[in-house]
Amino acid sequence: MSCMAYLEQMRVNIAKYFLQFSDYSVSYISEMCGYNDTNYFAKVFKKHTGITASEFQKQVRGMDMSGKIKKLLEPDN
């Protein structure tokens, strides 16, 4: 995995965390993760997860993920 691919994956994983455990908007989370363009963030997020950030947020909100936070932050392999 290249450095850029690793950085992209880590940004998506950080976004996953905030999408689940914060009340921030998708656009604010994309900015926090280093994306100036929310549309580009949406494209990258969907490439890595297969779903949009909003869909991910709806799926994981309210789920008991104790002990699984580390899994969210691990790169997909």
Foldseek 3Di string as FASTA:
>chain_A
DDPVVVLLQQLLLQLLVCLAPHPDDQCVSCVVSPDPDSVVNQVSNCVQPVDGSVVSSVVRHPDPCVVPSVVSNDGDD
